[in-house]
């Protein structure tokens, strides 16, 4: 039987390959921050999703604005770079 890495009591319990007794395991668990609820987690994901949608809409609008400025379909000297920059903004990060 191994000894707890914290209090040296005999134990057969391991956490992350370290021997730890039930008492020390409970104390360490109590010190950890409580995890967020499913509701909080989903709310954060939803906000991130909405923000990503907004960024995509803005990037598409910028891309459309650049490409519609080229009436003949042939870009001006800096037009190709502007299209490339706008296209890059539409790519996933």
PDB file of N, CA and C in Angstrom:
ATOM      1  N   UNK A   1       0.845  -1.173   0.000  1.00  0.00           N
ATOM      2  CA  UNK A   1       0.000   0.000   0.000  1.00  0.00           C
ATOM      3  C   UNK A   1       0.897   1.245   0.000  1.00  0.00           C
ATOM      4  N   UNK A   2       0.489   2.234  -0.792  1.00  0.00           N
ATOM      5  CA  UNK A   2       1.274   3.466  -0.898  1.00  0.00           C
ATOM      6  C   UNK A   2       0.831   4.484   0.144  1.00  0.00           C
ATOM      7  N   UNK A   3       1.606   5.547   0.250  1.00  0.00           N
ATOM      8  CA  UNK A   3       1.320   6.610   1.204  1.00  0.00           C
ATOM      9  C   UNK A   3       0.816   7.841   0.443  1.00  0.00           C
ATOM     10  N   UNK A   4      -0.140   8.537   1.057  1.00  0.00           N
ATOM     11  CA  UNK A   4      -0.711   9.754   0.485  1.00  0.00           C
ATOM     12  C   UNK A   4       0.411  10.775   0.246  1.00  0.00           C
ATOM     13  N   UNK A   5       0.376  11.400  -0.895  1.00  0.00           N
ATOM     14  CA  UNK A   5       1.402  12.385  -1.250  1.00  0.00           C
ATOM     15  C   UNK A   5       1.322  13.631  -0.373  1.00  0.00           C
ATOM     16  N   UNK A   6       0.206  13.832   0.337  1.00  0.00           N
ATOM     17  CA  UNK A   6       0.010  15.044   1.123  1.00  0.00           C
ATOM     18  C   UNK A   6       0.186  14.810   2.624  1.00  0.00           C
ATOM     19  N   UNK A   7      -0.496  13.778   3.166  1.00  0.00           N
ATOM     20  CA  UNK A   7      -0.439  13.581   4.616  1.00  0.00           C
ATOM     21  C   UNK A   7       0.297  12.293   5.007  1.00  0.00           C
ATOM     22  N   UNK A   8       0.713  11.523   4.041  1.00  0.00           N
ATOM     23  CA  UNK A   8       1.482  10.283   4.231  1.00  0.00           C
ATOM     24  C   UNK A   8       0.677   9.138   4.845  1.00  0.00           C
ATOM     25  N   UNK A   9      -0.645   9.249   4.857  1.00  0.00           N
ATOM     26  CA  UNK A   9      -1.482   8.141   5.324  1.00  0.00           C
ATOM     27  C   UNK A   9      -1.483   7.052   4.260  1.00  0.00           C
ATOM     28  N   UNK A  10      -1.714   5.796   4.679  1.00  0.00           N
ATOM     29  CA  UNK A  10      -1.754   4.694   3.722  1.00  0.00           C
ATOM     30  C   UNK A  10      -3.006   4.822   2.859  1.00  0.00           C
ATOM     31  N   UNK A  11      -2.851   4.516   1.586  1.00  0.00           N
ATOM     32  CA  UNK A  11      -3.968   4.650   0.655  1.00  0.00           C
ATOM     33  C   UNK A  11      -3.771   3.759  -0.559  1.00  0.00           C
ATOM     34  N   UNK A  12      -4.868   3.457  -1.205  1.00  0.00           N
ATOM     35  CA  UNK A  12      -4.843   2.745  -2.486  1.00  0.00           C
ATOM     36  C   UNK A  12      -5.446   3.616  -3.581  1.00  0.00           C
ATOM     37  N   UNK A  13      -5.873   4.806  -3.211  1.00  0.00           N
ATOM     38  CA  UNK A  13      -6.500   5.735  -4.142  1.00  0.00           C
ATOM     39  C   UNK A  13      -5.428   6.565  -4.848  1.00  0.00           C
ATOM     40  N   UNK A  14      -5.642   6.781  -6.136  1.00  0.00           N
ATOM     41  CA  UNK A  14      -4.713   7.596  -6.927  1.00  0.00           C
ATOM     42  C   UNK A  14      -5.498   8.668  -7.668  1.00  0.00           C
ATOM     43  N   UNK A  15      -4.922   9.859  -7.749  1.00  0.00           N
ATOM     44  CA  UNK A  15      -5.428  10.940  -8.584  1.00  0.00           C
ATOM     45  C   UNK A  15      -4.264  11.471  -9.395  1.00  0.00           C
ATOM     46  N   UNK A  16      -4.390  11.420 -10.711  1.00  0.00           N
ATOM     47  CA  UNK A  16      -3.311  11.871 -11.606  1.00  0.00           C
ATOM     48  C   UNK A  16      -1.993  11.185 -11.277  1.00  0.00           C
ATOM     49  N   UNK A  17      -2.054   9.892 -11.075  1.00  0.00           N
ATOM     50  CA  UNK A  17      -0.882   9.056 -10.788  1.00  0.00           C
ATOM     51  C   UNK A  17      -0.214   9.371  -9.457  1.00  0.00           C
ATOM     52  N   UNK A  18      -0.875  10.115  -8.578  1.00  0.00           N
ATOM     53  CA  UNK A  18      -0.344  10.391  -7.250  1.00  0.00           C
ATOM     54  C   UNK A  18      -1.204   9.676  -6.219  1.00  0.00           C
ATOM     55  N   UNK A  19      -0.581   8.987  -5.250  1.00  0.00           N
ATOM     56  CA  UNK A  19      -1.377   8.387  -4.187  1.00  0.00           C
ATOM     57  C   UNK A  19      -1.960   9.487  -3.308  1.00  0.00           C
ATOM     58  N   UNK A  20      -3.250   9.356  -2.988  1.00  0.00           N
ATOM     59  CA  UNK A  20      -3.915  10.362  -2.150  1.00  0.00           C
ATOM     60  C   UNK A  20      -4.999   9.663  -1.337  1.00  0.00           C
ATOM     61  N   UNK A  21      -5.080  10.010  -0.045  1.00  0.00           N
ATOM     62  CA  UNK A  21      -6.091   9.385   0.815  1.00  0.00           C
ATOM     63  C   UNK A  21      -7.447  10.054   0.585  1.00  0.00           C
ATOM     64  N   UNK A  22      -8.513   9.439   1.077  1.00  0.00           N
ATOM     65  CA  UNK A  22      -9.853   9.984   0.896  1.00  0.00           C
ATOM     66  C   UNK A  22      -9.993  11.369   1.519  1.00  0.00           C
ATOM     67  N   UNK A  23      -9.416  11.560   2.691  1.00  0.00           N
ATOM     68  CA  UNK A  23      -9.514  12.846   3.371  1.00  0.00           C
ATOM     69  C   UNK A  23      -8.881  13.954   2.535  1.00  0.00           C
ATOM     70  N   UNK A  24      -7.667  13.730   2.076  1.00  0.00           N
ATOM     71  CA  UNK A  24      -6.971  14.750   1.274  1.00  0.00           C
ATOM     72  C   UNK A  24      -7.655  14.951  -0.070  1.00  0.00           C
ATOM     73  N   UNK A  25      -8.184  13.887  -0.635  1.00  0.00           N
ATOM     74  CA  UNK A  25      -8.899  13.998  -1.904  1.00  0.00           C
ATOM     75  C   UNK A  25     -10.124  14.883  -1.736  1.00  0.00           C
ATOM     76  N   UNK A  26     -10.863  14.686  -0.641  1.00  0.00           N
ATOM     77  CA  UNK A  26     -12.038  15.506  -0.371  1.00  0.00           C
ATOM     78  C   UNK A  26     -11.687  16.958  -0.134  1.00  0.00           C
ATOM     79  N   UNK A  27     -10.613  17.202   0.589  1.00  0.00           N
ATOM     80  CA  UNK A  27     -10.184  18.577   0.847  1.00  0.00           C
ATOM     81  C   UNK A  27      -9.777  19.277  -0.443  1.00  0.00           C
ATOM     82  N   UNK A  28      -9.070  18.566  -1.298  1.00  0.00           N
ATOM     83  CA  UNK A  28      -8.646  19.151  -2.572  1.00  0.00           C
ATOM     84  C   UNK A  28      -9.852  19.438  -3.460  1.00  0.00           C
ATOM     85  N   UNK A  29     -10.831  18.554  -3.443  1.00  0.00           N
ATOM     86  CA  UNK A  29     -12.039  18.748  -4.251  1.00  0.00           C
ATOM     87  C   UNK A  29     -12.815  19.963  -3.756  1.00  0.00           C
ATOM     88  N   UNK A  30     -12.876  20.150  -2.451  1.00  0.00           N
ATOM     89  CA  UNK A  30     -13.601  21.288  -1.876  1.00  0.00           C
ATOM     90  C   UNK A  30     -12.943  22.612  -2.244  1.00  0.00           C
ATOM     91  N   UNK A  31     -11.629  22.622  -2.435  1.00  0.00           N
ATOM     92  CA  UNK A  31     -10.905  23.855  -2.770  1.00  0.00           C
ATOM     93  C   UNK A  31     -11.073  24.245  -4.232  1.00  0.00           C
ATOM     94  N   UNK A  32     -11.391  23.279  -5.067  1.00  0.00           N
ATOM     95  CA  UNK A  32     -11.547  23.571  -6.491  1.00  0.00           C
ATOM     96  C   UNK A  32     -12.765  24.440  -6.708  1.00  0.00           C
ATOM     97  N   UNK A  33     -12.707  25.258  -7.739  1.00  0.00           N
ATOM     98  CA  UNK A  33     -13.851  26.096  -8.086  1.00  0.00           C
ATOM     99  C   UNK A  33     -14.987  25.206  -8.560  1.00  0.00           C
ATOM    100  N   UNK A  34     -16.204  25.509  -8.142  1.00  0.00           N
ATOM    101  CA  UNK A  34     -17.326  24.709  -8.638  1.00  0.00           C
ATOM    102  C   UNK A  34     -17.479  24.938 -10.137  1.00  0.00           C
ATOM    103  N   UNK A  35     -17.758  23.892 -10.849  1.00  0.00           N
ATOM    104  CA  UNK A  35     -17.904  24.028 -12.295  1.00  0.00           C
ATOM    105  C   UNK A  35     -19.210  24.742 -12.609  1.00  0.00           C
ATOM    106  N   UNK A  36     -19.245  25.361 -13.768  1.00  0.00           N
ATOM    107  CA  UNK A  36     -20.439  26.102 -14.134  1.00  0.00           C
ATOM    108  C   UNK A  36     -21.555  25.132 -14.485  1.00  0.00           C
ATOM    109  N   UNK A  37     -22.765  25.593 -14.335  1.00  0.00           N
ATOM    110  CA  UNK A  37     -23.923  24.760 -14.629  1.00  0.00           C
ATOM    111  C   UNK A  37     -24.080  24.615 -16.142  1.00  0.00           C
ATOM    112  N   UNK A  38     -24.879  23.639 -16.533  1.00  0.00           N
ATOM    113  CA  UNK A  38     -25.153  23.451 -17.954  1.00  0.00           C
ATOM    114  C   UNK A  38     -25.786  24.701 -18.552  1.00  0.00           C
ATOM    115  N   UNK A  39     -26.657  25.326 -17.776  1.00  0.00           N
ATOM    116  CA  UNK A  39     -27.328  26.539 -18.267  1.00  0.00           C
ATOM    117  C   UNK A  39     -26.314  27.652 -18.539  1.00  0.00           C
ATOM    118  N   UNK A  40     -25.382  27.858 -17.609  1.00  0.00           N
ATOM    119  CA  UNK A  40     -24.356  28.892 -17.794  1.00  0.00           C
ATOM    120  C   UNK A  40     -23.470  28.572 -18.989  1.00  0.00           C
ATOM    121  N   UNK A  41     -23.098  27.301 -19.117  1.00  0.00           N
ATOM    122  CA  UNK A  41     -22.245  26.867 -20.213  1.00  0.00           C
ATOM    123  C   UNK A  41     -22.935  27.101 -21.553  1.00  0.00           C
ATOM    124  N   UNK A  42     -24.202  26.726 -21.646  1.00  0.00           N
ATOM    125  CA  UNK A  42     -24.945  26.918 -22.895  1.00  0.00           C
ATOM    126  C   UNK A  42     -25.132  28.395 -23.207  1.00  0.00           C
ATOM    127  N   UNK A  43     -25.337  29.203 -22.184  1.00  0.00           N
ATOM    128  CA  UNK A  43     -25.486  30.641 -22.396  1.00  0.00           C
ATOM    129  C   UNK A  43     -24.201  31.233 -22.976  1.00  0.00           C
ATOM    130  N   UNK A  44     -23.061  30.813 -22.465  1.00  0.00           N
ATOM    131  CA  UNK A  44     -21.773  31.294 -22.982  1.00  0.00           C
ATOM    132  C   UNK A  44     -21.581  30.841 -24.425  1.00  0.00           C
ATOM    133  N   UNK A  45     -21.876  29.580 -24.703  1.00  0.00           N
ATOM    134  CA  UNK A  45     -21.749  29.073 -26.080  1.00  0.00           C
ATOM    135  C   UNK A  45     -22.679  29.831 -27.027  1.00  0.00           C
ATOM    136  N   UNK A  46     -23.884  30.103 -26.574  1.00  0.00           N
ATOM    137  CA  UNK A  46     -24.843  30.822 -27.410  1.00  0.00           C
ATOM    138  C   UNK A  46     -24.325  32.230 -27.718  1.00  0.00           C
ATOM    139  N   UNK A  47     -23.786  32.919 -26.726  1.00  0.00           N
ATOM    140  CA  UNK A  47     -23.240  34.261 -26.948  1.00  0.00           C
ATOM    141  C   UNK A  47     -22.065  34.214 -27.926  1.00  0.00           C
ATOM    142  N   UNK A  48     -21.199  33.216 -27.782  1.00  0.00           N
ATOM    143  CA  UNK A  48     -20.066  33.079 -28.709  1.00  0.00           C
ATOM    144  C   UNK A  48     -20.552  32.797 -30.120  1.00  0.00           C
ATOM    145  N   UNK A  49     -21.601  31.980 -30.236  1.00  0.00           N
ATOM    146  CA  UNK A  49     -22.166  31.670 -31.544  1.00  0.00           C
ATOM    147  C   UNK A  49     -22.731  32.934 -32.198  1.00  0.00           C
ATOM    148  N   UNK A  50     -23.488  33.710 -31.423  1.00  0.00           N
ATOM    149  CA  UNK A  50     -24.058  34.951 -31.956  1.00  0.00           C
ATOM    150  C   UNK A  50     -22.970  35.933 -32.376  1.00  0.00           C
ATOM    151  N   UNK A  51     -21.903  36.020 -31.591  1.00  0.00           N
ATOM    152  CA  UNK A  51     -20.786  36.902 -31.939  1.00  0.00           C
ATOM    153  C   UNK A  51     -20.105  36.431 -33.221  1.00  0.00           C
ATOM    154  N   UNK A  52     -19.956  35.124 -33.382  1.00  0.00           N
ATOM    155  CA  UNK A  52     -19.335  34.580 -34.599  1.00  0.00           C
ATOM    156  C   UNK A  52     -20.208  34.845 -35.816  1.00  0.00           C
ATOM    157  N   UNK A  53     -21.529  34.709 -35.645  1.00  0.00           N
ATOM    158  CA  UNK A  53     -22.442  35.020 -36.748  1.00  0.00           C
ATOM    159  C   UNK A  53     -22.329  36.484 -37.160  1.00  0.00           C
ATOM    160  N   UNK A  54     -22.250  37.364 -36.185  1.00  0.00           N
ATOM    161  CA  UNK A  54     -22.136  38.798 -36.478  1.00  0.00           C
ATOM    162  C   UNK A  54     -20.827  39.100 -37.216  1.00  0.00           C
ATOM    163  N   UNK A  55     -19.736  38.475 -36.767  1.00  0.00           N
ATOM    164  CA  UNK A  55     -18.448  38.681 -37.456  1.00  0.00           C
ATOM    165  C   UNK A  55     -18.529  38.181 -38.892  1.00  0.00           C
ATOM    166  N   UNK A  56     -19.205  37.061 -39.103  1.00  0.00           N
ATOM    167  CA  UNK A  56     -19.341  36.508 -40.458  1.00  0.00           C
ATOM    168  C   UNK A  56     -20.167  37.438 -41.333  1.00  0.00           C
ATOM    169  N   UNK A  57     -21.260  37.992 -40.785  1.00  0.00           N
ATOM    170  CA  UNK A  57     -22.078  38.938 -41.548  1.00  0.00           C
ATOM    171  C   UNK A  57     -21.273  40.180 -41.928  1.00  0.00           C
ATOM    172  N   UNK A  58     -20.507  40.696 -40.986  1.00  0.00           N
ATOM    173  CA  UNK A  58     -19.694  41.879 -41.257  1.00  0.00           C
ATOM    174  C   UNK A  58     -18.632  41.591 -42.322  1.00  0.00           C
ATOM    175  N   UNK A  59     -18.008  40.423 -42.233  1.00  0.00           N
ATOM    176  CA  UNK A  59     -16.980  40.071 -43.210  1.00  0.00           C
ATOM    177  C   UNK A  59     -17.587  39.898 -44.593  1.00  0.00           C
ATOM    178  N   UNK A  60     -18.763  39.279 -44.660  1.00  0.00           N
ATOM    179  CA  UNK A  60     -19.429  39.102 -45.949  1.00  0.00           C
ATOM    180  C   UNK A  60     -19.827  40.448 -46.544  1.00  0.00           C
ATOM    181  N   UNK A  61     -20.326  41.343 -45.703  1.00  0.00           N
ATOM    182  CA  UNK A  61     -20.692  42.681 -46.186  1.00  0.00           C
ATOM    183  C   UNK A  61     -19.462  43.408 -46.718  1.00  0.00           C
ATOM    184  N   UNK A  62     -18.352  43.309 -46.023  1.00  0.00           N
ATOM    185  CA  UNK A  62     -17.108  43.956 -46.486  1.00  0.00           C
ATOM    186  C   UNK A  62     -16.643  43.347 -47.793  1.00  0.00           C
ATOM    187  N   UNK A  63     -16.734  42.039 -47.916  1.00  0.00           N
ATOM    188  CA  UNK A  63     -16.330  41.354 -49.149  1.00  0.00           C
ATOM    189  C   UNK A  63     -17.223  41.793 -50.305  1.00  0.00           C
ATOM    190  N   UNK A  64     -18.532  41.809 -50.062  1.00  0.00           N
ATOM    191  CA  UNK A  64     -19.460  42.240 -51.112  1.00  0.00           C
ATOM    192  C   UNK A  64     -19.194  43.680 -51.529  1.00  0.00           C
ATOM    193  N   UNK A  65     -18.900  44.547 -50.563  1.00  0.00           N
ATOM    194  CA  UNK A  65     -18.622  45.949 -50.875  1.00  0.00           C
ATOM    195  C   UNK A  65     -17.396  46.074 -51.766  1.00  0.00           C
ATOM    196  N   UNK A  66     -16.366  45.303 -51.481  1.00  0.00           N
ATOM    197  CA  UNK A  66     -15.140  45.373 -52.286  1.00  0.00           C
ATOM    198  C   UNK A  66     -15.386  44.847 -53.691  1.00  0.00           C
ATOM    199  N   UNK A  67     -16.070  43.712 -53.785  1.00  0.00           N
ATOM    200  CA  UNK A  67     -16.258  43.100 -55.113  1.00  0.00           C
ATOM    201  C   UNK A  67     -17.242  43.888 -55.980  1.00  0.00           C
ATOM    202  N   UNK A  68     -18.204  44.591 -55.382  1.00  0.00           N
ATOM    203  CA  UNK A  68     -19.145  45.369 -56.193  1.00  0.00           C
ATOM    204  C   UNK A  68     -18.541  46.680 -56.682  1.00  0.00           C
ATOM    205  N   UNK A  69     -17.416  47.087 -56.127  1.00  0.00           N
ATOM    206  CA  UNK A  69     -16.744  48.306 -56.585  1.00  0.00           C
ATOM    207  C   UNK A  69     -16.031  48.092 -57.910  1.00  0.00           C
ATOM    208  N   UNK A  70     -15.995  46.869 -58.383  1.00  0.00           N
ATOM    209  CA  UNK A  70     -15.266  46.549 -59.609  1.00  0.00           C
ATOM    210  C   UNK A  70     -16.295  46.266 -60.707  1.00  0.00           C
ATOM    211  N   UNK A  71     -16.707  47.298 -61.430  1.00  0.00           N
ATOM    212  CA  UNK A  71     -17.798  47.123 -62.407  1.00  0.00           C
ATOM    213  C   UNK A  71     -17.425  46.206 -63.576  1.00  0.00           C
ATOM    214  N   UNK A  72     -16.186  46.246 -64.037  1.00  0.00           N
ATOM    215  CA  UNK A  72     -15.806  45.457 -65.204  1.00  0.00           C
ATOM    216  C   UNK A  72     -15.407  44.039 -64.843  1.00  0.00           C
ATOM    217  N   UNK A  73     -15.278  43.756 -63.582  1.00  0.00           N
ATOM    218  CA  UNK A  73     -14.814  42.437 -63.180  1.00  0.00           C
ATOM    219  C   UNK A  73     -13.304  42.361 -63.100  1.00  0.00           C
ATOM    220  N   UNK A  74     -12.618  43.383 -63.626  1.00  0.00           N
ATOM    221  CA  UNK A  74     -11.170  43.424 -63.542  1.00  0.00           C
ATOM    222  C   UNK A  74     -10.782  44.376 -62.414  1.00  0.00           C
ATOM    223  N   UNK A  75     -10.113  43.889 -61.416  1.00  0.00           N
ATOM    224  CA  UNK A  75      -9.791  44.751 -60.282  1.00  0.00           C
ATOM    225  C   UNK A  75      -8.749  45.805 -60.627  1.00  0.00           C
ATOM    226  N   UNK A  76      -8.839  46.930 -59.902  1.00  0.00           N
ATOM    227  CA  UNK A  76      -7.820  47.962 -60.010  1.00  0.00           C
ATOM    228  C   UNK A  76      -6.516  47.384 -59.450  1.00  0.00           C
ATOM    229  N   UNK A  77      -5.396  48.104 -59.606  1.00  0.00           N
ATOM    230  CA  UNK A  77      -4.120  47.553 -59.139  1.00  0.00           C
ATOM    231  C   UNK A  77      -4.156  47.080 -57.688  1.00  0.00           C
ATOM    232  N   UNK A  78      -4.809  47.844 -56.814  1.00  0.00           N
ATOM    233  CA  UNK A  78      -4.864  47.400 -55.427  1.00  0.00           C
ATOM    234  C   UNK A  78      -6.126  46.588 -55.144  1.00  0.00           C
ATOM    235  N   UNK A  79      -6.996  46.456 -56.132  1.00  0.00           N
ATOM    236  CA  UNK A  79      -8.259  45.741 -55.953  1.00  0.00           C
ATOM    237  C   UNK A  79      -8.083  44.278 -55.609  1.00  0.00           C
ATOM    238  N   UNK A  80      -7.107  43.633 -56.262  1.00  0.00           N
ATOM    239  CA  UNK A  80      -6.875  42.210 -55.987  1.00  0.00           C
ATOM    240  C   UNK A  80      -6.482  42.006 -54.524  1.00  0.00           C
ATOM    241  N   UNK A  81      -5.643  42.885 -54.015  1.00  0.00           N
ATOM    242  CA  UNK A  81      -5.229  42.773 -52.608  1.00  0.00           C
ATOM    243  C   UNK A  81      -6.405  43.041 -51.682  1.00  0.00           C
ATOM    244  N   UNK A  82      -7.245  44.017 -52.040  1.00  0.00           N
ATOM    245  CA  UNK A  82      -8.420  44.314 -51.210  1.00  0.00           C
ATOM    246  C   UNK A  82      -9.384  43.138 -51.188  1.00  0.00           C
ATOM    247  N   UNK A  83      -9.568  42.483 -52.326  1.00  0.00           N
ATOM    248  CA  UNK A  83     -10.427  41.296 -52.373  1.00  0.00           C
ATOM    249  C   UNK A  83      -9.821  40.189 -51.528  1.00  0.00           C
ATOM    250  N   UNK A  84      -8.523  40.016 -51.663  1.00  0.00           N
ATOM    251  CA  UNK A  84      -7.836  38.980 -50.868  1.00  0.00           C
ATOM    252  C   UNK A  84      -8.002  39.254 -49.372  1.00  0.00           C
ATOM    253  N   UNK A  85      -7.825  40.509 -48.956  1.00  0.00           N
ATOM    254  CA  UNK A  85      -7.969  40.867 -47.541  1.00  0.00           C
ATOM    255  C   UNK A  85      -9.391  40.621 -47.045  1.00  0.00           C
ATOM    256  N   UNK A  86     -10.372  41.011 -47.837  1.00  0.00           N
ATOM    257  CA  UNK A  86     -11.766  40.809 -47.454  1.00  0.00           C
ATOM    258  C   UNK A  86     -12.097  39.322 -47.399  1.00  0.00           C
ATOM    259  N   UNK A  87     -11.565  38.566 -48.340  1.00  0.00           N
ATOM    260  CA  UNK A  87     -11.798  37.118 -48.355  1.00  0.00           C
ATOM    261  C   UNK A  87     -11.188  36.449 -47.120  1.00  0.00           C
ATOM    262  N   UNK A  88     -10.016  36.911 -46.718  1.00  0.00           N
ATOM    263  CA  UNK A  88      -9.345  36.350 -45.550  1.00  0.00           C
ATOM    264  C   UNK A  88     -10.182  36.563 -44.287  1.00  0.00           C
ATOM    265  N   UNK A  89     -10.857  37.722 -44.211  1.00  0.00           N
ATOM    266  CA  UNK A  89     -11.725  38.011 -43.055  1.00  0.00           C
ATOM    267  C   UNK A  89     -12.901  37.045 -42.982  1.00  0.00           C
ATOM    268  N   UNK A  90     -13.302  36.487 -44.115  1.00  0.00           N
ATOM    269  CA  UNK A  90     -14.423  35.547 -44.130  1.00  0.00           C
ATOM    270  C   UNK A  90     -14.003  34.155 -43.705  1.00  0.00           C
ATOM    271  N   UNK A  91     -12.702  33.865 -43.740  1.00  0.00           N
ATOM    272  CA  UNK A  91     -12.211  32.534 -43.383  1.00  0.00           C
ATOM    273  C   UNK A  91     -12.306  32.299 -41.899  1.00  0.00           C
ATOM    274  N   UNK A  92     -12.544  31.032 -41.498  1.00  0.00           N
ATOM    275  CA  UNK A  92     -12.564  30.719 -40.060  1.00  0.00           C
ATOM    276  C   UNK A  92     -11.213  30.988 -39.436  1.00  0.00           C
ATOM    277  N   UNK A  93     -11.243  31.390 -38.197  1.00  0.00           N
ATOM    278  CA  UNK A  93      -9.977  31.720 -37.517  1.00  0.00           C
ATOM    279  C   UNK A  93      -9.422  30.544 -36.805  1.00  0.00           C
TER     280      UNK A  93
END
